[in-house]
């Protein structure tokens, strides 16, 4: 007869043991064994009294039904007597875990989220998560806040179904040691001339840039600091009517959750005053024009020429006013106008021309 495993989860270990009995006179033990596979070909598995191996996978794979396989043992005694026994092995389908879906921390202090789908097997699943630094959970999806560099390594989850069959999946996570973000200010701030003209408005343009990732959402909080106790919690800041006393370092800090990023820009305000005092469009741009536009603007400054103009096509820069040309009515132009050793930022809004008017004269047809 055959003793051993009767029920096993697919692909898990089982054990059979042959127990000889009713030997013929003179036989002391059966000495030839042949275990046959549970297939129509009955291939020989082993020639020992015991059989231990992994159960095959249920076919088709990922079925939700159990399957019974029949193993055959042929025993030949020392006297040549042959006996055949059969043993049924019921195999239960294992649960299956899909691949990890990560919401990986970008910075220390972020929350780790690992989601995993489970299917197959027999419902009533339980989960056991284990990770570095004592991370553990019995939820289907792992959520772990305040991640640090100490949580680098392998993350493993094991699901067990109602039949006791298990399936495990593992993945590796590398935590960043620092945040890959930085505050980048407009490069025009550092271009020559570095000084801004007295009385001008200075918008502190900036961007949040990352090595591998650009935050898609606005920061949760802003904090500006600067000379003379300057402070603001606005997302954007403009230094209006800038004066030499406002020169110095301006620092911006932003927060995404607990993570702080900062940047600094040096602002120098000259004793020389300059500003745009008048803009006259002549002509206004047409409605239907090429991409370069056909509008012109006469721009008058409070400081004398010559001027260096960036951000727009300009001519007559040795006179006041100078001319900006090839203007289109879409959006605006950000100008940097330099004279007398200082510069002015100016936002040039280009208006749309008036809509055309049509006179319609009715025509009657005789006869």
Protein backbone atom coordinates (compact mmCIF):
# COMPACT_ATOMS: atom_id res chain seq x y z
CA UNK A 1 0.00 0.00 0.00
CA UNK A 2 0.96 3.66 -0.33
CA UNK A 3 1.03 6.14 2.54
CA UNK A 4 1.64 9.87 2.30
CA UNK A 5 0.22 13.12 1.06
CA UNK A 6 -3.36 13.18 -0.16
CA UNK A 7 -3.90 16.91 -0.72
CA UNK A 8 -1.25 19.43 -1.77
CA UNK A 9 -1.11 22.92 -3.23
CA UNK A 10 0.16 22.97 -6.79
CA UNK A 11 3.94 23.08 -7.18
CA UNK A 12 4.50 22.39 -3.49
CA UNK A 13 6.33 19.41 -2.00
CA UNK A 14 4.59 16.05 -1.43
CA UNK A 15 5.81 12.70 -0.07
CA UNK A 16 4.75 9.09 -0.76
CA UNK A 17 6.01 5.98 1.04
CA UNK A 18 5.52 2.38 -0.09
CA UNK A 19 4.63 -0.06 2.71
CA UNK A 20 5.09 -3.71 1.68
CA UNK A 21 2.68 -6.27 3.13
CA UNK A 22 1.44 -9.82 2.46
CA UNK A 23 4.84 -10.93 1.22
CA UNK A 24 5.06 -14.43 -0.31
CA UNK A 25 6.80 -17.17 1.72
CA UNK A 26 10.54 -16.59 1.61
CA UNK A 27 10.23 -12.91 0.66
CA UNK A 28 11.62 -10.58 3.28
CA UNK A 29 11.03 -7.30 1.50
CA UNK A 30 9.96 -6.02 -1.87
CA UNK A 31 13.12 -4.80 -3.53
CA UNK A 32 12.16 -3.36 -6.90
CA UNK A 33 10.00 -0.24 -7.08
CA UNK A 34 8.77 1.86 -9.98
CA UNK A 35 6.82 5.08 -9.50
CA UNK A 36 4.95 6.14 -12.61
CA UNK A 37 3.89 9.67 -13.51
CA UNK A 38 0.19 10.58 -13.62
CA UNK A 39 0.01 10.63 -17.40
CA UNK A 40 -1.23 8.27 -20.06
CA UNK A 41 2.35 7.35 -20.91
CA UNK A 42 3.08 6.28 -17.34
CA UNK A 43 6.71 7.31 -17.47
CA UNK A 44 8.82 6.05 -14.59
CA UNK A 45 9.62 8.74 -12.00
CA UNK A 46 11.77 6.88 -9.49
CA UNK A 47 12.96 3.43 -8.39
CA UNK A 48 12.91 3.92 -4.62
CA UNK A 49 10.45 2.99 -1.92
CA UNK A 50 9.61 6.64 -1.36
CA UNK A 51 8.82 9.52 -3.66
CA UNK A 52 9.24 13.19 -2.76
CA UNK A 53 8.99 16.00 -5.28
CA UNK A 54 7.13 19.16 -6.18
CA UNK A 55 3.60 18.73 -7.39
CA UNK A 56 3.11 19.80 -11.01
CA UNK A 57 1.30 22.96 -11.93
CA UNK A 58 -2.39 22.62 -12.62
CA UNK A 59 -3.16 22.85 -16.32
CA UNK A 60 -4.53 25.07 -17.65
CA UNK A 61 -2.68 27.44 -15.34
CA UNK A 62 -4.43 29.77 -12.95
CA UNK A 63 -7.59 27.69 -12.84
CA UNK A 64 -9.86 28.08 -9.85
CA UNK A 65 -10.72 24.37 -9.71
CA UNK A 66 -8.78 21.66 -7.91
CA UNK A 67 -7.37 18.77 -9.92
CA UNK A 68 -6.67 15.16 -8.96
CA UNK A 69 -3.64 13.30 -10.29
CA UNK A 70 -3.17 9.55 -9.94
CA UNK A 71 0.27 8.10 -9.29
CA UNK A 72 1.06 4.40 -9.87
CA UNK A 73 3.54 2.26 -7.99
CA UNK A 74 4.73 -1.11 -9.25
CA UNK A 75 6.48 -3.33 -6.71
CA UNK A 76 8.36 -6.50 -7.59
CA UNK A 77 9.31 -8.82 -4.75
CA UNK A 78 12.43 -10.93 -4.54
CA UNK A 79 10.45 -13.94 -5.70
CA UNK A 80 9.25 -12.11 -8.81
CA UNK A 81 5.75 -11.34 -7.64
CA UNK A 82 4.41 -8.05 -8.96
CA UNK A 83 1.84 -5.76 -7.37
CA UNK A 84 0.48 -2.44 -8.56
CA UNK A 85 -1.06 0.24 -6.36
CA UNK A 86 -2.56 3.62 -7.17
CA UNK A 87 -2.60 6.78 -5.08
CA UNK A 88 -4.69 9.86 -5.76
CA UNK A 89 -3.14 13.27 -5.08
CA UNK A 90 -5.55 16.17 -5.02
CA UNK A 91 -3.89 19.43 -6.00
CA UNK A 92 -5.34 22.79 -5.05
CA UNK A 93 -4.79 25.91 -7.17
CA UNK A 94 -2.49 28.48 -5.64
CA UNK A 95 -3.37 32.16 -5.38
CA UNK A 96 -1.51 34.46 -7.72
CA UNK A 97 -0.07 37.94 -7.10
CA UNK A 98 0.45 40.40 -9.93
CA UNK A 99 3.56 42.52 -10.26
CA UNK A 100 4.09 45.37 -7.81
CA UNK A 101 2.71 48.77 -8.70
CA UNK A 102 4.82 51.36 -6.92
CA UNK A 103 4.23 54.92 -5.86
CA UNK A 104 7.87 55.33 -4.94
CA UNK A 105 9.12 58.01 -2.55
CA UNK A 106 10.91 60.80 -4.36
CA UNK A 107 12.37 62.34 -1.22
CA UNK A 108 13.11 61.24 2.35
CA UNK A 109 9.96 61.63 4.40
CA UNK A 110 7.63 60.64 1.56
CA UNK A 111 5.12 57.80 1.86
CA UNK A 112 5.75 54.48 0.12
CA UNK A 113 2.79 52.77 -1.53
CA UNK A 114 2.99 49.31 -3.11
CA UNK A 115 -0.19 47.89 -4.63
CA UNK A 116 -0.64 44.30 -5.73
CA UNK A 117 -3.56 42.43 -7.30
CA UNK A 118 -4.50 38.93 -6.13
CA UNK A 119 -6.45 36.32 -8.08
CA UNK A 120 -7.02 32.56 -8.34
CA UNK A 121 -6.84 30.18 -5.42
CA UNK A 122 -9.65 30.11 -2.89
CA UNK A 123 -10.82 33.50 -1.53
CA UNK A 124 -10.43 34.56 2.09
CA UNK A 125 -6.91 35.80 1.45
CA UNK A 126 -4.50 36.94 4.15
CA UNK A 127 -1.34 38.94 3.53
CA UNK A 128 2.03 39.30 5.21
CA UNK A 129 4.40 42.09 4.15
CA UNK A 130 8.02 42.28 5.26
CA UNK A 131 10.64 44.88 4.38
CA UNK A 132 13.84 46.51 5.62
CA UNK A 133 13.96 48.35 8.93
CA UNK A 134 11.11 46.38 10.47
CA UNK A 135 8.50 47.36 7.88
CA UNK A 136 5.55 44.97 8.23
CA UNK A 137 1.87 44.94 7.33
CA UNK A 138 -1.07 42.56 6.98
CA UNK A 139 -2.94 44.70 4.46
CA UNK A 140 -3.21 43.79 0.79
CA UNK A 141 -1.45 47.02 -0.22
CA UNK A 142 1.53 48.35 1.70
CA UNK A 143 1.42 51.99 2.83
CA UNK A 144 4.41 53.19 4.88
CA UNK A 145 4.98 56.87 5.77
CA UNK A 146 8.16 58.84 6.50
CA UNK A 147 10.51 56.73 4.42
CA UNK A 148 14.27 57.14 4.88
CA UNK A 149 17.43 55.74 3.33
CA UNK A 150 17.35 52.94 5.91
CA UNK A 151 14.42 51.36 4.06
CA UNK A 152 16.48 50.41 0.99
CA UNK A 153 16.21 46.76 0.04
CA UNK A 154 13.84 43.89 -0.69
CA UNK A 155 10.09 44.01 -0.06
CA UNK A 156 8.22 40.73 0.06
CA UNK A 157 4.53 39.89 0.37
CA UNK A 158 3.03 36.44 0.88
CA UNK A 159 -0.66 35.74 0.28
CA UNK A 160 -2.38 32.72 1.79
CA UNK A 161 -5.81 31.58 0.60
CA UNK A 162 -8.54 29.74 2.50
CA UNK A 163 -7.00 26.38 1.56
CA UNK A 164 -3.64 27.35 3.03
CA UNK A 165 -1.97 27.65 -0.37
CA UNK A 166 0.54 30.48 -0.64
CA UNK A 167 2.21 32.66 -3.24
CA UNK A 168 4.98 35.22 -2.67
CA UNK A 169 6.32 38.13 -4.65
CA UNK A 170 9.37 40.27 -4.00
CA UNK A 171 10.70 43.57 -5.29
CA UNK A 172 13.61 45.87 -4.54
CA UNK A 173 13.43 49.56 -3.69
CA UNK A 174 16.23 52.13 -3.60
CA UNK A 175 15.46 55.21 -1.52
CA UNK A 176 16.95 58.59 -2.52
CA UNK A 177 19.33 60.10 0.02
CA UNK A 178 18.12 63.61 -0.77
CA UNK A 179 15.47 65.39 -2.81
CA UNK A 180 16.30 65.83 -6.50
CA UNK A 181 14.55 69.22 -6.70
CA UNK A 182 15.94 72.72 -6.82
CA UNK A 183 14.70 76.26 -7.35
CA UNK A 184 16.01 77.81 -10.57
CA UNK A 185 15.61 81.54 -11.11
CA UNK A 186 15.37 83.30 -14.46
CA UNK A 187 18.87 83.30 -16.02
CA UNK A 188 18.25 86.92 -17.09
CA UNK A 189 18.94 87.91 -13.47
CA UNK A 190 22.63 87.04 -13.87
CA UNK A 191 23.15 88.35 -17.41
CA UNK A 192 25.04 91.59 -17.94
CA UNK A 193 24.22 94.18 -16.86
CA UNK A 194 23.47 92.53 -13.54
CA UNK A 195 21.99 95.66 -11.96
CA UNK A 196 18.33 96.61 -12.29
CA UNK A 197 17.38 100.21 -12.86
CA UNK A 198 16.02 102.24 -9.99
CA UNK A 199 12.23 102.55 -10.02
CA UNK A 200 11.65 99.47 -12.16
CA UNK A 201 9.45 96.52 -11.24
CA UNK A 202 11.36 93.25 -10.81
CA UNK A 203 9.29 90.05 -11.09
CA UNK A 204 11.20 87.24 -9.36
CA UNK A 205 10.66 84.58 -12.01
CA UNK A 206 11.60 81.04 -10.99
CA UNK A 207 10.95 77.38 -11.74
CA UNK A 208 11.11 74.15 -9.76
CA UNK A 209 13.37 71.71 -11.53
CA UNK A 210 14.33 68.13 -10.75
CA UNK A 211 16.93 65.64 -11.80
CA UNK A 212 14.45 62.87 -12.60
CA UNK A 213 11.08 64.35 -11.77
CA UNK A 214 9.20 67.59 -12.14
CA UNK A 215 6.45 68.16 -9.60
CA UNK A 216 3.19 68.36 -11.51
CA UNK A 217 1.28 69.97 -8.64
CA UNK A 218 1.85 73.36 -7.03
CA UNK A 219 3.80 73.36 -3.76
CA UNK A 220 1.82 73.22 -0.53
CA UNK A 221 3.54 76.31 0.90
CA UNK A 222 5.82 79.19 -0.14
CA UNK A 223 8.10 81.40 1.90
CA UNK A 224 10.07 84.38 0.55
CA UNK A 225 12.65 86.25 2.64
CA UNK A 226 14.99 89.10 1.74
CA UNK A 227 16.68 92.35 2.80
CA UNK A 228 15.09 94.76 5.28
CA UNK A 229 12.84 92.05 6.75
CA UNK A 230 11.19 91.26 3.43
CA UNK A 231 8.72 88.36 3.71
CA UNK A 232 5.96 86.93 1.53
CA UNK A 233 4.03 83.67 1.36
CA UNK A 234 2.76 84.31 -2.19
CA UNK A 235 3.51 81.97 -5.06
CA UNK A 236 4.86 84.85 -7.17
CA UNK A 237 6.56 88.04 -6.04
CA UNK A 238 7.34 91.31 -7.84
CA UNK A 239 9.61 93.95 -6.30
CA UNK A 240 7.76 97.12 -7.25
CA UNK A 241 9.48 100.51 -7.67
CA UNK A 242 12.82 98.93 -6.83
CA UNK A 243 15.30 101.06 -4.87
CA UNK A 244 19.03 100.54 -4.15
CA UNK A 245 18.17 99.75 -0.52
CA UNK A 246 16.30 96.68 -1.74
CA UNK A 247 19.50 95.11 -3.09
CA UNK A 248 20.52 91.79 -1.59
CA UNK A 249 19.81 88.06 -1.54
CA UNK A 250 16.23 86.85 -1.88
CA UNK A 251 15.50 83.29 -0.78
CA UNK A 252 12.50 81.18 -1.77
CA UNK A 253 11.52 78.03 0.11
CA UNK A 254 8.72 75.75 -1.04
CA UNK A 255 7.25 72.64 0.56
CA UNK A 256 5.75 69.51 -0.93
CA UNK A 257 4.40 67.80 2.17
CA UNK A 258 7.31 67.58 4.63
CA UNK A 259 9.94 68.13 1.93
CA UNK A 260 11.55 71.54 1.63
CA UNK A 261 13.32 72.94 -1.45
CA UNK A 262 15.01 76.30 -1.65
CA UNK A 263 16.81 78.64 -3.99
CA UNK A 264 18.40 82.06 -3.80
CA UNK A 265 18.88 84.95 -6.19
CA UNK A 266 20.98 88.11 -5.75
CA UNK A 267 19.27 91.33 -6.78
CA UNK A 268 21.27 94.52 -7.37
CA UNK A 269 19.42 97.82 -7.87
CA UNK A 270 21.34 100.70 -9.49
CA UNK A 271 21.18 104.40 -8.57
CA UNK A 272 20.29 105.06 -12.22
CA UNK A 273 16.56 105.37 -12.82
CA UNK A 274 14.91 103.99 -15.94
CA UNK A 275 11.46 102.78 -16.87
CA UNK A 276 9.11 102.43 -19.82
CA UNK A 277 6.99 105.58 -19.91
CA UNK A 278 4.91 105.04 -23.04
CA UNK A 279 4.05 102.41 -25.67
CA UNK A 280 2.31 103.31 -28.93
CA UNK A 281 1.35 100.66 -31.49
CA UNK A 282 1.69 101.81 -35.07
CA UNK A 283 0.38 99.81 -36.76
CA UNK A 284 -1.51 97.26 -34.75
CA UNK A 285 -0.89 93.70 -35.93
CA UNK A 286 -3.26 92.25 -38.50
CA UNK A 287 -5.69 89.52 -37.56
CA UNK A 288 -4.43 87.11 -40.22
CA UNK A 289 -0.66 87.27 -40.33
CA UNK A 290 2.34 84.99 -40.44
CA UNK A 291 3.71 83.62 -37.21
CA UNK A 292 6.29 86.43 -37.01
CA UNK A 293 3.54 89.08 -36.94
CA UNK A 294 3.39 92.49 -38.62
CA UNK A 295 2.69 94.82 -35.69
CA UNK A 296 5.04 97.58 -34.50
CA UNK A 297 5.36 99.45 -31.22
CA UNK A 298 7.16 102.69 -30.34
CA UNK A 299 8.58 102.28 -26.82
CA UNK A 300 9.59 105.41 -24.90
CA UNK A 301 12.04 105.23 -21.99
CA UNK A 302 12.76 107.65 -19.14
CA UNK A 303 16.52 107.11 -19.61
CA UNK A 304 18.53 108.19 -22.67
CA UNK A 305 19.67 105.84 -25.45
CA UNK A 306 21.36 103.72 -26.63
CA UNK A 307 19.40 100.65 -25.60
CA UNK A 308 20.03 96.94 -25.73
CA UNK A 309 16.77 95.07 -26.17
CA UNK A 310 16.15 91.35 -25.66
CA UNK A 311 12.93 89.38 -26.07
CA UNK A 312 11.71 91.10 -29.24
CA UNK A 313 12.99 92.31 -32.60
CA UNK A 314 14.04 95.95 -32.15
CA UNK A 315 15.39 98.75 -34.32
CA UNK A 316 16.29 102.44 -33.86
CA UNK A 317 17.76 101.55 -30.46
CA UNK A 318 20.00 104.63 -30.62
CA UNK A 319 16.95 106.85 -30.36
CA UNK A 320 14.10 107.36 -27.93
CA UNK A 321 11.55 105.95 -28.62
CA UNK A 322 12.92 102.80 -30.24
CA UNK A 323 10.82 100.41 -32.37
CA UNK A 324 9.80 96.84 -31.63
CA UNK A 325 8.55 95.02 -34.74
CA UNK A 326 7.19 91.69 -36.04
CA UNK A 327 4.67 91.70 -33.20
CA UNK A 328 1.75 89.25 -33.00
CA UNK A 329 -1.35 89.68 -30.85
CA UNK A 330 -1.02 86.27 -29.21
CA UNK A 331 0.23 86.41 -25.62
CA UNK A 332 2.87 88.91 -24.56
CA UNK A 333 6.59 89.61 -24.95
CA UNK A 334 8.94 89.68 -21.97
CA UNK A 335 11.49 92.42 -22.70
CA UNK A 336 14.83 93.11 -21.05
CA UNK A 337 15.86 96.69 -21.86
CA UNK A 338 19.34 97.83 -20.85
CA UNK A 339 20.73 101.38 -20.75
CA UNK A 340 23.09 103.42 -18.58
CA UNK A 341 24.52 100.25 -17.06
CA UNK A 342 21.24 98.83 -15.71
CA UNK A 343 18.29 96.86 -17.03
CA UNK A 344 14.51 96.90 -16.91
CA UNK A 345 12.11 93.97 -17.23
CA UNK A 346 8.98 94.93 -19.16
CA UNK A 347 5.95 92.87 -20.14
CA UNK A 348 4.73 94.05 -23.55
CA UNK A 349 1.09 93.12 -24.13
CA UNK A 350 0.12 93.31 -27.79
CA UNK A 351 -3.58 94.08 -28.39
CA UNK A 352 -5.71 92.47 -31.04
CA UNK A 353 -6.86 94.69 -33.90
CA UNK A 354 -10.49 95.69 -34.13
CA UNK A 355 -12.80 93.17 -35.75
CA UNK A 356 -13.59 94.06 -39.39
CA UNK A 357 -16.99 95.57 -40.05
CA UNK A 358 -19.07 94.57 -43.05
CA UNK A 359 -21.81 96.50 -44.86
CA UNK A 360 -24.27 94.22 -46.62
CA UNK A 361 -26.35 95.70 -49.43
CA UNK A 362 -29.35 93.62 -50.52
CA UNK A 363 -29.48 92.86 -54.23
CA UNK A 364 -32.76 92.21 -55.98
CA UNK A 365 -32.97 90.19 -59.15
CA UNK A 366 -35.43 91.37 -61.78
CA UNK A 367 -37.64 88.99 -63.66
